[in-house]
Amino acid sequence: MVASIYHLIENSPPGEVNDVLNDIRILTNNDKTFFEEILPSLTKYNMEQFTNVRIPGSDSEVTIVSKFNSNEDGWFFDPILKKSFQFDHINLKVLDVKSYETDIKVIEKITGLQKPLLAYLSEHFPSNVNYGIFPCKNDIYNIIIVGNKYNPVNFWNGRWRSFYQFSESSLTITGTLLIDVHYYEDGNVCLTTRQTLSFEAKSLDCYDIITAIAAEEKKYQEELNTAFSGLNDYDFKSLRRQLPMTKQKMNWENINTLKIGQDVTGRSQTY
C-alpha cells in the first residue's frame, strides 16, 4: 500500500497534491506515523515541482524549494531575499527563517541576471510565475522558472517548469523543459512533456544569457503548437469511425441494402 501511495504522490497533477493528501488522510484515519513514512516522497515531489514558498511576515517574499537551493542540513536558501529557511513538506509551511549571506561577486551576478529575466517573465508568463537564481560551486549558476495555471472551475490545471545551468567559464547552457497539464472534465487526460537542451549564449553577459534561454523556450513552444495542431487535424480524427461520404440524401426505403441497415433490422427482428 505504501508503494502505491508513493506513486500517487509523486505523480500528482499540478495543483492537486493537497487533494491526494486529503484522500490519504481519510484512507489512513489521519495516521501521523504513516505520514512520517511518506515524508521522503512528499519532499521529493515538492522539490521536483519547484513548489512556491511564501516567507512568513511578507506578502511579496516568495521563493522556491528545489535541489538547487537546498543545503546538506535540510535548509533552503534564497540569495535574492538573503534568507534561508526550513520547510514543512506535509503542511507546505515555512518553519523557521534566518538571514543568508553570500559573496558580493555572486550577488552582483545574480542581480545582473535578475533584471532581464524579470522582463522576459513579465512579457511571456501572464501570471503566477516564479523564478530562482541559485549559485553552485565552481562559478556555476542555476536558473529556475516555474509557471502555474490552475483552473479547477473548468476542470484543468497546468504547470511549466524549466531550469538551466551555466558556468562563467563557458558559453554553453544546458537545461530541461517540463510541461504538465491535467484535464478532467468527463474524462482524465494528462499531458507530460520533457525536453533536454544544450545551446550557447552569444556571450557571458547576463542579457545575452537570458536572451538565449528565451529563444530556446520560444522555439519549443512553437514546436508544441505545431504538434498540437497535428493532433487535432490528424491523430484525433483517426480515432473516430469513418463513415462514407456520398454527399447524397439517405434512402431510408433501401436502408436494408446497407450493412448498417442490416445490422439494425437484424437486431430489431431478434427482440
Protein backbone atom coordinates (compact mmCIF):
# COMPACT_ATOMS: atom_id res chain seq x y z
CA MET A 1 0.00 0.00 0.00
CA VAL A 2 2.81 2.39 0.87
CA ALA A 3 4.43 1.91 -2.54
CA SER A 4 1.12 2.70 -4.25
CA ILE A 5 0.72 5.89 -2.23
CA TYR A 6 4.30 6.91 -3.07
CA HIS A 7 3.33 6.57 -6.73
CA LEU A 8 0.14 8.61 -6.25
CA ILE A 9 2.00 11.46 -4.57
CA GLU A 10 4.92 11.60 -7.00
CA ASN A 11 2.53 11.62 -9.97
CA SER A 12 0.03 14.14 -8.59
CA PRO A 13 -1.07 16.62 -11.28
CA PRO A 14 -0.25 20.32 -10.87
CA GLY A 15 -2.13 21.94 -8.01
CA GLU A 16 -3.76 18.70 -6.90
CA VAL A 17 -1.32 17.17 -4.41
CA ASN A 18 -3.41 18.51 -1.50
CA ASP A 19 -6.44 16.64 -2.85
CA VAL A 20 -4.34 13.48 -2.92
CA LEU A 21 -3.14 14.08 0.66
CA ASN A 22 -6.69 14.70 1.90
CA ASP A 23 -7.79 11.38 0.39
CA ILE A 24 -4.80 9.67 2.03
CA ARG A 25 -5.81 11.16 5.40
CA ILE A 26 -9.25 9.60 5.02
CA LEU A 27 -7.85 6.21 4.00
CA THR A 28 -5.37 6.13 6.89
CA ASN A 29 -7.57 7.81 9.53
CA ASN A 30 -5.04 10.66 9.57
CA ASP A 31 -2.32 8.37 10.92
CA LYS A 32 0.64 10.62 11.76
CA THR A 33 3.03 7.67 11.71
CA PHE A 34 2.02 6.90 8.15
CA PHE A 35 2.67 10.49 7.08
CA GLU A 36 6.13 10.27 8.56
CA GLU A 37 6.74 7.26 6.32
CA ILE A 38 5.70 9.09 3.16
CA LEU A 39 7.62 12.28 4.03
CA PRO A 40 10.54 11.41 1.69
CA SER A 41 8.09 11.05 -1.19
CA LEU A 42 6.46 14.40 -0.40
CA THR A 43 9.85 16.07 -0.12
CA LYS A 44 10.89 14.71 -3.49
CA TYR A 45 7.63 15.90 -5.08
CA ASN A 46 7.86 19.44 -3.69
CA MET A 47 11.47 19.84 -4.75
CA GLU A 48 10.95 18.43 -8.25
CA GLN A 49 7.85 20.57 -8.79
CA PHE A 50 9.62 23.77 -7.65
CA THR A 51 6.93 24.39 -5.06
CA ASN A 52 6.37 28.08 -4.31
CA VAL A 53 7.04 29.15 -0.73
CA ARG A 54 5.85 32.34 0.95
CA ILE A 55 8.15 33.70 3.63
CA PRO A 56 6.18 34.49 6.84
CA GLY A 57 5.60 38.14 7.60
CA SER A 58 5.71 39.28 3.98
CA ASP A 59 3.22 39.15 1.12
CA SER A 60 5.85 39.84 -1.51
CA GLU A 61 8.65 37.46 -0.49
CA VAL A 62 8.05 34.26 -2.42
CA THR A 63 10.73 31.72 -3.26
CA ILE A 64 11.11 28.11 -4.39
CA VAL A 65 12.12 24.80 -2.85
CA SER A 66 14.34 22.68 -5.09
CA LYS A 67 17.51 20.64 -5.10
CA PHE A 68 19.31 23.70 -6.48
CA ASN A 69 18.84 25.77 -3.31
CA SER A 70 18.95 23.02 -0.72
CA ASN A 71 21.77 22.65 1.78
CA GLU A 72 23.00 19.39 3.23
CA ASP A 73 21.45 20.28 6.59
CA GLY A 74 17.95 20.40 5.04
CA TRP A 75 17.69 24.19 4.93
CA PHE A 76 16.82 26.08 1.76
CA PHE A 77 18.30 29.42 0.76
CA ASP A 78 17.44 32.35 -1.48
CA PRO A 79 20.32 34.78 -2.20
CA ILE A 80 17.96 37.42 -3.62
CA LEU A 81 15.85 37.52 -0.46
CA LYS A 82 19.01 36.98 1.64
CA LYS A 83 17.19 34.38 3.71
CA SER A 84 17.37 30.68 4.45
CA PHE A 85 14.52 28.60 5.85
CA GLN A 86 13.25 25.20 6.88
CA PHE A 87 10.16 23.83 5.19
CA ASP A 88 7.32 21.55 6.33
CA HIS A 89 6.70 19.37 3.26
CA ILE A 90 3.44 17.96 4.62
CA ASN A 91 1.67 21.20 5.56
CA LEU A 92 3.58 23.32 3.00
CA LYS A 93 4.67 25.91 5.54
CA VAL A 94 7.95 27.60 6.41
CA LEU A 95 9.05 26.56 9.90
CA ASP A 96 11.99 28.80 10.59
CA VAL A 97 13.78 31.67 8.87
CA LYS A 98 17.25 33.15 9.29
CA SER A 99 19.48 35.51 7.35
CA TYR A 100 21.62 34.26 4.49
CA GLU A 101 24.72 35.94 3.12
CA THR A 102 26.90 35.07 0.15
CA ASP A 103 29.86 36.53 -1.73
CA ILE A 104 29.37 40.03 -3.16
CA LYS A 105 30.55 38.82 -6.59
CA VAL A 106 27.79 36.20 -6.61
CA ILE A 107 25.18 38.79 -5.64
CA GLU A 108 26.28 41.08 -8.46
CA LYS A 109 25.96 38.25 -10.99
CA ILE A 110 22.53 37.26 -9.70
CA THR A 111 21.32 40.86 -9.75
CA GLY A 112 22.59 41.21 -13.31
CA LEU A 113 20.62 38.13 -14.39
CA GLN A 114 17.51 39.14 -12.47
CA LYS A 115 16.67 42.27 -14.47
CA PRO A 116 16.46 40.70 -17.98
CA LEU A 117 14.85 37.57 -16.53
CA LEU A 118 12.05 39.58 -14.92
CA ALA A 119 11.48 41.44 -18.20
CA TYR A 120 11.19 38.13 -20.06
CA LEU A 121 8.83 36.59 -17.49
CA SER A 122 6.53 39.61 -17.37
CA GLU A 123 6.17 39.52 -21.15
CA HIS A 124 5.65 35.79 -21.69
CA PHE A 125 4.13 34.47 -18.46
CA PRO A 126 0.83 36.24 -17.73
CA SER A 127 0.50 35.37 -14.04
CA ASN A 128 1.54 33.12 -11.17
CA VAL A 129 5.14 32.71 -12.31
CA ASN A 130 8.11 32.43 -10.01
CA TYR A 131 11.85 32.06 -10.50
CA GLY A 132 15.08 31.38 -8.70
CA ILE A 133 18.73 32.14 -9.43
CA PHE A 134 20.94 29.96 -7.30
CA PRO A 135 24.74 29.77 -7.21
CA CYS A 136 26.60 26.49 -7.14
CA LYS A 137 30.27 25.66 -6.66
CA ASN A 138 32.93 26.46 -9.28
CA ASP A 139 31.18 29.61 -10.57
CA ILE A 140 28.15 27.64 -11.76
CA TYR A 141 24.66 29.17 -11.66
CA ASN A 142 21.20 27.59 -11.86
CA ILE A 143 18.18 29.47 -13.20
CA ILE A 144 14.71 28.10 -12.43
CA ILE A 145 11.38 29.16 -13.92
CA VAL A 146 8.02 27.79 -12.77
CA GLY A 147 4.64 28.94 -14.03
CA ASN A 148 1.39 27.59 -12.59
CA LYS A 149 -2.07 27.91 -14.09
CA TYR A 150 -4.88 26.46 -12.00
CA ASN A 151 -8.44 26.44 -13.36
CA PRO A 152 -10.43 23.85 -11.37
CA VAL A 153 -13.72 25.57 -12.25
CA ASN A 154 -13.12 24.48 -15.85
CA PHE A 155 -11.52 21.17 -14.82
CA TRP A 156 -7.90 21.74 -15.80
CA ASN A 157 -4.57 22.64 -14.22
CA GLY A 158 -1.13 23.14 -15.73
CA ARG A 159 2.49 23.78 -14.83
CA TRP A 160 5.52 24.94 -16.80
CA ARG A 161 8.95 24.16 -15.35
CA SER A 162 12.33 24.94 -16.81
CA PHE A 163 15.78 25.04 -15.33
CA TYR A 164 19.16 25.95 -16.77
CA GLN A 165 22.76 25.70 -15.70
CA PHE A 166 25.76 27.62 -16.97
CA SER A 167 29.33 28.31 -15.92
CA GLU A 168 31.20 31.59 -16.12
CA SER A 169 33.97 29.73 -17.93
CA SER A 170 31.81 28.55 -20.87
CA LEU A 171 29.17 29.89 -23.26
CA THR A 172 27.31 26.56 -23.18
CA ILE A 173 23.97 26.45 -21.34
CA THR A 174 22.26 23.16 -20.50
CA GLY A 175 18.65 22.91 -19.46
CA THR A 176 15.41 20.98 -19.25
CA LEU A 177 11.84 21.99 -20.09
CA LEU A 178 8.90 20.21 -18.47
CA ILE A 179 5.19 20.78 -19.04
CA ASP A 180 2.35 19.05 -17.16
CA VAL A 181 -1.33 19.58 -17.93
CA HIS A 182 -4.30 17.74 -16.43
CA TYR A 183 -7.79 17.96 -17.98
CA TYR A 184 -10.50 16.10 -16.10
CA GLU A 185 -13.96 17.13 -17.32
CA ASP A 186 -15.88 13.97 -18.29
CA GLY A 187 -12.56 12.15 -18.50
CA ASN A 188 -8.98 12.14 -17.33
CA VAL A 189 -6.33 13.35 -19.79
CA CYS A 190 -2.75 14.14 -18.81
CA LEU A 191 -0.09 15.75 -20.95
CA THR A 192 3.53 15.41 -19.83
CA THR A 193 6.47 16.62 -21.88
CA ARG A 194 10.20 16.72 -21.17
CA GLN A 195 12.85 18.30 -23.38
CA THR A 196 16.56 18.48 -22.61
CA LEU A 197 18.54 21.32 -24.17
CA SER A 198 22.12 22.33 -24.83
CA PHE A 199 22.85 25.62 -26.55
CA GLU A 200 25.24 28.55 -26.49
CA ALA A 201 24.84 32.15 -25.43
CA LYS A 202 26.25 34.94 -27.54
CA SER A 203 28.44 35.98 -24.60
CA LEU A 204 28.61 35.65 -20.82
CA ASP A 205 26.77 38.95 -20.48
CA CYS A 206 23.65 38.50 -18.33
CA TYR A 207 21.38 39.91 -21.01
CA ASP A 208 22.75 37.51 -23.64
CA ILE A 209 22.28 34.52 -21.33
CA ILE A 210 18.60 35.30 -20.72
CA THR A 211 18.09 36.11 -24.42
CA ALA A 212 19.44 32.68 -25.36
CA ILE A 213 17.13 30.99 -22.85
CA ALA A 214 14.12 32.97 -24.12
CA ALA A 215 14.89 31.95 -27.72
CA GLU A 216 15.02 28.25 -26.81
CA GLU A 217 11.76 28.42 -24.89
CA LYS A 218 10.04 30.21 -27.75
CA LYS A 219 11.29 27.59 -30.20
CA TYR A 220 10.00 24.76 -28.02
CA GLN A 221 6.59 26.38 -27.59
CA GLU A 222 6.26 26.80 -31.35
CA GLU A 223 7.12 23.12 -31.83
CA LEU A 224 4.42 22.17 -29.32
CA ASN A 225 1.85 24.35 -31.08
CA THR A 226 2.63 22.59 -34.36
CA ALA A 227 2.37 19.18 -32.71
CA PHE A 228 -0.99 20.04 -31.10
CA SER A 229 -2.33 21.25 -34.43
CA GLY A 230 -1.37 17.91 -35.92
CA LEU A 231 -3.17 16.08 -33.12
CA ASN A 232 -6.43 17.87 -33.91
CA ASP A 233 -6.15 17.57 -37.68
CA TYR A 234 -4.90 14.00 -37.97
CA ASP A 235 -4.41 11.86 -34.86
CA PHE A 236 -7.70 12.58 -33.09
CA LYS A 237 -9.68 12.30 -36.32
CA SER A 238 -8.20 8.86 -36.98
CA LEU A 239 -9.69 7.68 -33.68
CA ARG A 240 -13.25 8.27 -34.97
CA ARG A 241 -15.13 5.71 -37.03
CA GLN A 242 -15.11 6.87 -40.61
CA LEU A 243 -18.46 6.85 -42.39
CA PRO A 244 -18.87 7.01 -46.18
CA MET A 245 -19.33 10.48 -47.67
CA THR A 246 -21.54 10.26 -50.79
CA LYS A 247 -23.00 13.79 -50.46
CA GLN A 248 -26.40 12.25 -51.16
CA LYS A 249 -29.54 12.02 -49.06
CA MET A 250 -30.05 8.76 -47.20
CA ASN A 251 -32.57 6.50 -48.96
CA TRP A 252 -34.36 5.13 -45.94
CA GLU A 253 -36.54 2.78 -48.05
CA ASN A 254 -33.45 0.88 -49.18
CA ILE A 255 -31.53 1.04 -45.89
CA ASN A 256 -31.66 -2.78 -45.74
CA THR A 257 -29.14 -2.90 -48.58
CA LEU A 258 -26.52 -1.20 -46.42
CA LYS A 259 -24.55 -3.12 -43.83
CA ILE A 260 -25.54 -0.70 -41.07
CA GLY A 261 -29.17 -1.19 -42.11
CA GLN A 262 -28.78 -4.95 -42.00
CA ASP A 263 -27.34 -4.68 -38.52
CA VAL A 264 -30.22 -2.51 -37.33
CA THR A 265 -33.01 -4.55 -38.93
CA GLY A 266 -31.38 -7.79 -37.87
CA ARG A 267 -31.28 -6.68 -34.26
CA SER A 268 -34.88 -5.44 -34.37
CA GLN A 269 -36.04 -8.87 -35.53
CA THR A 270 -34.42 -10.61 -32.58
CA TYR A 271 -36.46 -8.73 -29.99
